[in-house]
Amino acid sequence: MSTWRMPAETAPQERLWMAFPTGGYTLGETAEDAHAARSAWADVANAAVQFEPVTVVVAPDDVDTAARYLRPAVGVLTAELNDAWMRDIGPTFVLDDDGRVGAVDWVFNGWGAQDWAQWDKDELIAAEVAGWTGAHHLVSGLVNEGGGIQVDGEGTVLVTETVQLDPGRNPGLSKADIEAELARTIGASHVIWLPRGLTRDSEKFGTRGHVDIVAAIPSPGTLLVHSQQNPEHPDFEVSREIISFLATTRDAAGREWNIIEVPAPETLTDAEGFVDYSYINHVAVNSGVIACTFSDPNDEKALRILADAYPGRRVVGIDARELFARGGGIHCITQQQPAASRKGQS
């Protein structure tokens, strides 16, 4: 029996995986909407490929369209898709004690079987990606998404009570059941249960509380945490609650957290109501960080915080407003594949 462990997202990477928007609410109702979505996804892929290989999964009918948006250096593989949130529909990659790569295939059911979601094609993508990579395919019976976990690579994992314990995802499972499966699949020895996620993410078209717009672990013992600083926004109280809670927790090694508050953008609303814009939803790549910006006065401050938290990496900001208008950010549309160790390649 191999022992599997999800490495930190800052560990050396083989490539970054993404998907290309293909239909439904993500593309919207007009040609302008579709262009905005495709441009937003492509901007992330085109930025990341400057740092490491990027492969984008594209629906067969969209190959020619994708080629007009993606740099030639971006690799393309084809599979049928419902949507394009690779963090959630793709596998979570892990390494074993010998450095071999595994791919955890969670059950995906449209973020808790939400009535607006379709997932008959997306639920098959994790297995497809596992096959393409040659990673060991680890099938899990847990309904989970990659956006619902954050790890430090040393056994700590952050989750949210409203996600993994969601009756639309895992009815009847206890915290102990979920912790046991997280230990088996990603090597989690210490699970921290956040009470909830951000307000908009908890509404009809949200994920019900993904942790990856709330908190990130740039290095062991350090937390980057979303901090809404305007009392007019409902996340003012939410972020205070989460920060206070995290201050009472420790990591797997027993360390107190160095909590770095990352101010939310000053923008409070869009046409749909209070936004959940968050700089936390970034992705680390080899020698770099691809980060969300919002044409907001706080963008520069947030990028400086990220640069300090990820020393030696170049931080590239990408306008993420079109992503968040569709329900997520840069971390949500990407999934990193760690590099196998030399021992694991032999």
Protein backbone atom coordinates (compact mmCIF):
# COMPACT_ATOMS: atom_id res chain seq x y z
CA MET A 1 0.00 0.00 0.00
CA SER A 2 1.37 3.38 -1.01
CA THR A 3 1.06 6.33 1.33
CA TRP A 4 -0.13 9.36 -0.61
CA ARG A 5 0.40 13.00 0.27
CA MET A 6 -0.73 16.18 -1.43
CA PRO A 7 2.34 18.42 -1.69
CA ALA A 8 2.20 22.14 -1.08
CA GLU A 9 1.07 24.10 -4.11
CA THR A 10 4.51 25.72 -4.14
CA ALA A 11 6.23 22.37 -4.77
CA PRO A 12 7.90 21.91 -8.19
CA GLN A 13 5.28 21.37 -10.88
CA GLU A 14 5.20 19.27 -14.04
CA ARG A 15 2.42 21.35 -15.59
CA LEU A 16 -0.77 23.31 -15.00
CA TRP A 17 -4.11 21.90 -16.13
CA MET A 18 -7.08 23.99 -17.25
CA ALA A 19 -10.29 23.63 -19.28
CA PHE A 20 -11.78 25.93 -21.91
CA PRO A 21 -15.30 27.40 -21.51
CA THR A 22 -17.74 25.57 -23.75
CA GLY A 23 -21.32 26.54 -22.97
CA GLY A 24 -24.05 27.26 -20.46
CA TYR A 25 -23.96 30.13 -18.04
CA THR A 26 -20.18 30.46 -18.33
CA LEU A 27 -20.36 31.54 -21.96
CA GLY A 28 -23.52 33.53 -21.34
CA GLU A 29 -26.18 34.57 -23.81
CA THR A 30 -24.34 36.87 -26.22
CA ALA A 31 -21.24 36.79 -28.39
CA GLU A 32 -19.78 39.50 -26.17
CA ASP A 33 -20.32 37.36 -23.08
CA ALA A 34 -18.67 34.37 -24.74
CA HIS A 35 -15.67 36.43 -25.85
CA ALA A 36 -15.25 37.83 -22.34
CA ALA A 37 -15.27 34.34 -20.80
CA ARG A 38 -12.88 32.82 -23.33
CA SER A 39 -10.53 35.79 -22.99
CA ALA A 40 -10.49 35.54 -19.19
CA TRP A 41 -9.64 31.83 -19.19
CA ALA A 42 -7.07 32.28 -21.96
CA ASP A 43 -5.39 35.19 -20.19
CA VAL A 44 -4.59 32.86 -17.28
CA ALA A 45 -3.29 30.06 -19.50
CA ASN A 46 -1.22 32.47 -21.58
CA ALA A 47 0.33 33.99 -18.45
CA ALA A 48 1.06 30.64 -16.78
CA VAL A 49 2.73 29.10 -19.84
CA GLN A 50 5.53 31.65 -19.43
CA PHE A 51 6.49 29.72 -16.27
CA GLU A 52 5.71 26.06 -17.01
CA PRO A 53 3.85 23.79 -19.42
CA VAL A 54 0.08 24.34 -19.54
CA THR A 55 -2.45 21.89 -20.94
CA VAL A 56 -6.03 23.00 -21.60
CA VAL A 57 -8.84 20.47 -22.02
CA VAL A 58 -11.08 21.65 -24.87
CA ALA A 59 -14.40 20.26 -26.10
CA PRO A 60 -13.94 18.80 -29.61
CA ASP A 61 -16.23 21.39 -31.20
CA ASP A 62 -14.24 24.24 -29.63
CA VAL A 63 -10.72 23.36 -30.82
CA ASP A 64 -10.61 25.98 -33.58
CA THR A 65 -12.13 28.62 -31.31
CA ALA A 66 -9.65 27.90 -28.52
CA ALA A 67 -6.74 28.23 -30.96
CA ARG A 68 -7.73 31.86 -31.57
CA TYR A 69 -7.37 32.66 -27.86
CA LEU A 70 -4.53 30.45 -26.61
CA ARG A 71 -0.83 30.95 -27.28
CA PRO A 72 0.70 28.26 -29.51
CA ALA A 73 2.82 27.13 -26.53
CA VAL A 74 -0.33 26.06 -24.64
CA GLY A 75 -1.07 22.37 -25.12
CA VAL A 76 -4.59 21.19 -25.97
CA LEU A 77 -6.30 17.85 -25.35
CA THR A 78 -9.92 17.15 -26.19
CA ALA A 79 -12.78 15.81 -24.09
CA GLU A 80 -16.46 16.61 -23.75
CA LEU A 81 -17.12 19.23 -21.05
CA ASN A 82 -20.04 20.82 -19.25
CA ASP A 83 -17.99 23.65 -17.79
CA ALA A 84 -14.43 24.81 -17.20
CA TRP A 85 -13.63 24.79 -13.46
CA MET A 86 -10.63 22.46 -13.59
CA ARG A 87 -9.81 22.85 -9.89
CA ASP A 88 -13.09 21.14 -9.09
CA ILE A 89 -13.63 18.71 -11.96
CA GLY A 90 -10.03 17.62 -12.39
CA PRO A 91 -8.06 15.30 -10.13
CA THR A 92 -6.18 16.38 -7.03
CA PHE A 93 -2.59 15.30 -7.59
CA VAL A 94 -0.57 13.59 -4.86
CA LEU A 95 2.83 11.96 -4.41
CA ASP A 96 3.72 8.72 -2.67
CA ASP A 97 6.75 7.95 -0.52
CA ASP A 98 8.72 7.02 -3.65
CA GLY A 99 7.84 10.29 -5.40
CA ARG A 100 5.36 8.73 -7.84
CA VAL A 101 2.40 10.84 -8.90
CA GLY A 102 -1.17 9.87 -8.08
CA ALA A 103 -4.44 11.49 -9.11
CA VAL A 104 -7.32 11.55 -6.63
CA ASP A 105 -10.62 11.25 -8.47
CA TRP A 106 -13.26 12.73 -6.14
CA VAL A 107 -16.94 12.33 -6.85
CA PHE A 108 -18.10 15.52 -8.56
CA ASN A 109 -21.84 16.26 -8.43
CA GLY A 110 -22.18 19.90 -9.42
CA TRP A 111 -21.21 21.47 -6.08
CA GLY A 112 -23.81 19.55 -4.11
CA ALA A 113 -26.26 18.64 -6.89
CA GLN A 114 -27.32 22.23 -7.44
CA ASP A 115 -30.35 22.59 -9.70
CA TRP A 116 -28.57 24.95 -12.11
CA ALA A 117 -25.52 22.72 -12.62
CA GLN A 118 -24.82 19.99 -15.17
CA TRP A 119 -22.02 17.51 -14.59
CA ASP A 120 -22.56 14.36 -16.67
CA LYS A 121 -19.42 15.15 -18.69
CA ASP A 122 -17.41 16.98 -16.04
CA GLU A 123 -17.65 14.05 -13.61
CA LEU A 124 -15.50 12.03 -16.05
CA ILE A 125 -12.70 14.58 -16.50
CA ALA A 126 -10.61 13.59 -13.47
CA ALA A 127 -10.24 10.06 -14.79
CA GLU A 128 -9.39 11.40 -18.27
CA VAL A 129 -6.65 13.64 -16.89
CA ALA A 130 -5.30 10.84 -14.72
CA GLY A 131 -5.04 8.66 -17.80
CA TRP A 132 -3.29 11.31 -19.86
CA THR A 133 -0.69 11.92 -17.15
CA GLY A 134 -0.04 8.28 -16.39
CA ALA A 135 -0.62 9.01 -12.70
CA HIS A 136 -1.89 6.29 -10.41
CA HIS A 137 -5.69 6.65 -10.41
CA LEU A 138 -7.00 6.91 -6.82
CA VAL A 139 -10.78 6.64 -6.83
CA SER A 140 -12.55 8.24 -3.87
CA GLY A 141 -16.18 7.90 -2.83
CA LEU A 142 -16.08 11.34 -1.22
CA VAL A 143 -17.93 14.17 -2.93
CA ASN A 144 -15.32 16.90 -2.90
CA GLU A 145 -13.72 19.53 -5.08
CA GLY A 146 -10.18 20.83 -5.31
CA GLY A 147 -11.40 24.30 -4.37
CA GLY A 148 -12.67 22.88 -1.11
CA ILE A 149 -9.21 22.05 0.29
CA GLN A 150 -6.02 23.95 1.04
CA VAL A 151 -2.90 22.12 2.24
CA ASP A 152 0.57 22.91 3.54
CA GLY A 153 2.22 19.73 2.24
CA GLU A 154 3.00 18.65 5.81
CA GLY A 155 -0.32 17.09 6.76
CA THR A 156 -2.49 20.15 7.40
CA VAL A 157 -5.65 20.64 5.36
CA LEU A 158 -8.23 23.42 5.59
CA VAL A 159 -11.83 22.50 4.75
CA THR A 160 -15.25 24.04 5.36
CA GLU A 161 -18.15 22.56 7.31
CA THR A 162 -20.61 23.82 4.71
CA VAL A 163 -18.81 21.99 1.88
CA GLN A 164 -17.61 18.55 2.95
CA LEU A 165 -20.50 18.14 5.40
CA ASP A 166 -23.04 19.51 2.89
CA PRO A 167 -26.04 17.13 2.78
CA GLY A 168 -26.10 17.66 -0.98
CA ARG A 169 -22.59 16.24 -1.14
CA ASN A 170 -21.98 13.73 1.64
CA PRO A 171 -25.22 12.98 3.50
CA GLY A 172 -24.69 10.80 6.52
CA LEU A 173 -20.92 11.21 6.69
CA SER A 174 -19.38 12.49 9.91
CA LYS A 175 -16.30 14.64 10.34
CA ALA A 176 -14.43 11.49 11.35
CA ASP A 177 -15.50 9.74 8.13
CA ILE A 178 -14.33 12.64 6.00
CA GLU A 179 -11.07 13.01 7.90
CA ALA A 180 -10.32 9.33 7.39
CA GLU A 181 -10.81 9.65 3.63
CA LEU A 182 -8.70 12.82 3.49
CA ALA A 183 -5.97 10.91 5.34
CA ARG A 184 -6.15 8.03 2.85
CA THR A 185 -6.17 10.15 -0.28
CA ILE A 186 -4.12 13.28 0.40
CA GLY A 187 -2.23 12.33 3.55
CA ALA A 188 -4.07 14.75 5.84
CA SER A 189 -3.10 14.19 9.46
CA HIS A 190 -4.64 17.42 10.78
CA VAL A 191 -7.94 18.77 9.46
CA ILE A 192 -9.06 22.32 10.29
CA TRP A 193 -12.78 22.88 9.80
CA LEU A 194 -13.65 26.46 8.92
CA PRO A 195 -17.24 27.26 9.91
CA ARG A 196 -18.25 28.75 6.54
CA GLY A 197 -17.13 30.57 3.41
CA LEU A 198 -17.86 34.00 1.97
CA THR A 199 -21.38 35.36 1.61
CA ARG A 200 -21.86 35.34 -2.16
CA ASP A 201 -20.24 31.93 -2.44
CA SER A 202 -22.91 30.70 -0.03
CA GLU A 203 -25.77 31.91 -2.23
CA LYS A 204 -27.61 30.18 -5.10
CA PHE A 205 -24.82 30.13 -7.68
CA GLY A 206 -21.95 29.60 -5.24
CA THR A 207 -20.06 26.52 -4.10
CA ARG A 208 -21.50 26.74 -0.55
CA GLY A 209 -18.22 27.85 0.94
CA HIS A 210 -15.01 26.88 -0.85
CA VAL A 211 -11.96 27.59 1.24
CA ASP A 212 -9.84 28.74 -1.71
CA ILE A 213 -11.31 32.24 -1.72
CA VAL A 214 -10.96 32.48 2.07
CA ALA A 215 -7.50 31.22 3.05
CA ALA A 216 -4.27 29.99 1.46
CA ILE A 217 -1.05 28.54 2.87
CA PRO A 218 1.94 30.08 1.05
CA SER A 219 4.41 28.30 3.34
CA PRO A 220 4.15 26.05 6.42
CA GLY A 221 2.96 27.99 9.43
CA THR A 222 1.69 30.97 7.42
CA LEU A 223 -1.88 31.77 6.39
CA LEU A 224 -3.07 34.35 3.91
CA VAL A 225 -6.66 35.18 4.88
CA HIS A 226 -9.31 37.24 3.11
CA SER A 227 -10.13 40.36 5.11
CA GLN A 228 -13.15 42.46 4.19
CA GLN A 229 -12.50 45.77 5.88
CA ASN A 230 -15.68 47.66 4.99
CA PRO A 231 -18.50 47.20 7.56
CA GLU A 232 -21.05 47.77 4.80
CA HIS A 233 -20.19 44.40 3.26
CA PRO A 234 -21.65 41.25 4.90
CA ASP A 235 -18.22 39.60 4.68
CA PHE A 236 -16.91 42.14 7.19
CA GLU A 237 -18.38 40.01 9.98
CA VAL A 238 -17.69 36.75 8.16
CA SER A 239 -13.99 37.45 7.71
CA ARG A 240 -13.67 38.63 11.32
CA GLU A 241 -15.24 35.35 12.44
CA ILE A 242 -12.94 33.25 10.26
CA ILE A 243 -9.77 35.12 11.27
CA SER A 244 -10.67 34.83 14.96
CA PHE A 245 -11.33 31.12 14.53
CA LEU A 246 -8.07 30.45 12.68
CA ALA A 247 -6.15 32.25 15.43
CA THR A 248 -7.31 29.50 17.81
CA THR A 249 -5.99 26.69 15.59
CA ARG A 250 -2.56 25.19 14.98
CA ASP A 251 -1.01 23.40 12.02
CA ALA A 252 -0.08 19.72 11.91
CA ALA A 253 3.29 20.49 13.53
CA GLY A 254 1.58 22.33 16.41
CA ARG A 255 2.68 25.80 15.31
CA GLU A 256 0.62 28.90 15.83
CA TRP A 257 -0.26 30.48 12.52
CA ASN A 258 1.36 33.63 11.23
CA ILE A 259 -1.89 35.12 9.90
CA ILE A 260 -1.49 37.70 7.15
CA GLU A 261 -4.70 39.54 6.38
CA VAL A 262 -5.14 40.32 2.71
CA PRO A 263 -7.54 43.25 2.30
CA ALA A 264 -10.49 42.62 0.02
CA PRO A 265 -10.87 44.92 -2.96
CA GLU A 266 -12.60 48.20 -2.20
CA THR A 267 -15.28 47.28 -4.74
CA LEU A 268 -18.32 46.11 -2.79
CA THR A 269 -20.95 45.23 -5.38
CA ASP A 270 -21.63 44.37 -8.99
CA ALA A 271 -24.91 44.09 -10.87
CA GLU A 272 -25.85 40.97 -8.87
CA GLY A 273 -25.13 42.30 -5.37
CA PHE A 274 -22.23 42.05 -2.91
CA VAL A 275 -19.16 40.56 -4.58
CA ASP A 276 -16.84 37.86 -3.25
CA TYR A 277 -13.78 39.29 -5.02
CA SER A 278 -10.72 37.82 -3.32
CA TYR A 279 -6.97 38.01 -3.85
CA ILE A 280 -6.66 34.68 -2.01
CA ASN A 281 -7.78 32.86 -5.16
CA HIS A 282 -4.34 32.81 -6.85
CA VAL A 283 -2.25 29.93 -8.15
CA ALA A 284 1.44 29.30 -7.57
CA VAL A 285 3.44 28.10 -10.58
CA ASN A 286 7.14 27.39 -11.00
CA SER A 287 8.93 30.65 -10.09
CA GLY A 288 5.70 32.60 -10.23
CA VAL A 289 2.23 33.38 -8.92
CA ILE A 290 -0.76 34.14 -11.15
CA ALA A 291 -2.97 36.45 -9.10
CA CYS A 292 -6.40 38.05 -9.41
CA THR A 293 -6.79 41.76 -9.94
CA PHE A 294 -10.02 43.74 -10.17
CA SER A 295 -9.07 47.20 -11.52
CA ASP A 296 -9.31 48.20 -7.88
CA PRO A 297 -7.32 50.57 -5.64
CA ASN A 298 -6.26 47.59 -3.48
CA ASP A 299 -4.76 45.59 -6.37
CA GLU A 300 -1.24 46.94 -5.92
CA LYS A 301 -1.29 46.43 -2.15
CA ALA A 302 -2.48 42.84 -2.55
CA LEU A 303 0.14 42.01 -5.17
CA ARG A 304 2.85 43.33 -2.83
CA ILE A 305 1.53 41.12 -0.01
CA LEU A 306 1.61 38.10 -2.32
CA ALA A 307 5.14 38.94 -3.49
CA ASP A 308 6.30 39.05 0.12
CA ALA A 309 4.52 35.78 0.93
CA TYR A 310 6.07 34.01 -2.07
CA PRO A 311 9.68 35.26 -2.08
CA GLY A 312 11.62 34.59 -5.24
CA ARG A 313 8.50 34.29 -7.39
CA ARG A 314 7.28 36.80 -9.96
CA VAL A 315 3.68 37.81 -9.31
CA VAL A 316 1.57 38.39 -12.42
CA GLY A 317 -1.82 40.04 -12.02
CA ILE A 318 -4.70 39.08 -14.31
CA ASP A 319 -8.07 40.86 -14.33
CA ALA A 320 -10.39 38.30 -12.77
CA ARG A 321 -13.69 40.17 -12.78
CA GLU A 322 -15.13 38.10 -15.62
CA LEU A 323 -14.14 34.92 -13.75
CA PHE A 324 -15.79 36.01 -10.52
CA ALA A 325 -18.91 37.10 -12.41
CA ARG A 326 -19.20 33.43 -13.40
CA GLY A 327 -18.55 32.03 -9.94
CA GLY A 328 -14.82 31.72 -9.28
CA GLY A 329 -11.29 32.93 -9.76
CA ILE A 330 -7.85 31.92 -11.00
CA HIS A 331 -7.31 29.12 -8.48
CA CYS A 332 -10.74 27.73 -9.41
CA ILE A 333 -9.88 27.30 -13.09
CA THR A 334 -6.42 25.76 -12.63
CA GLN A 335 -5.04 22.53 -11.19
CA GLN A 336 -1.33 21.96 -10.63
CA GLN A 337 0.37 18.63 -11.35
CA PRO A 338 3.43 18.19 -9.12
CA ALA A 339 6.66 16.91 -10.56
CA ALA A 340 7.57 13.32 -9.76
CA SER A 341 10.82 12.91 -7.90
CA ARG A 342 13.73 11.22 -9.67
CA LYS A 343 13.09 8.18 -7.50
CA GLY A 344 9.47 8.13 -8.61
CA GLN A 345 10.48 8.41 -12.28
CA SER A 346 12.88 5.48 -12.15
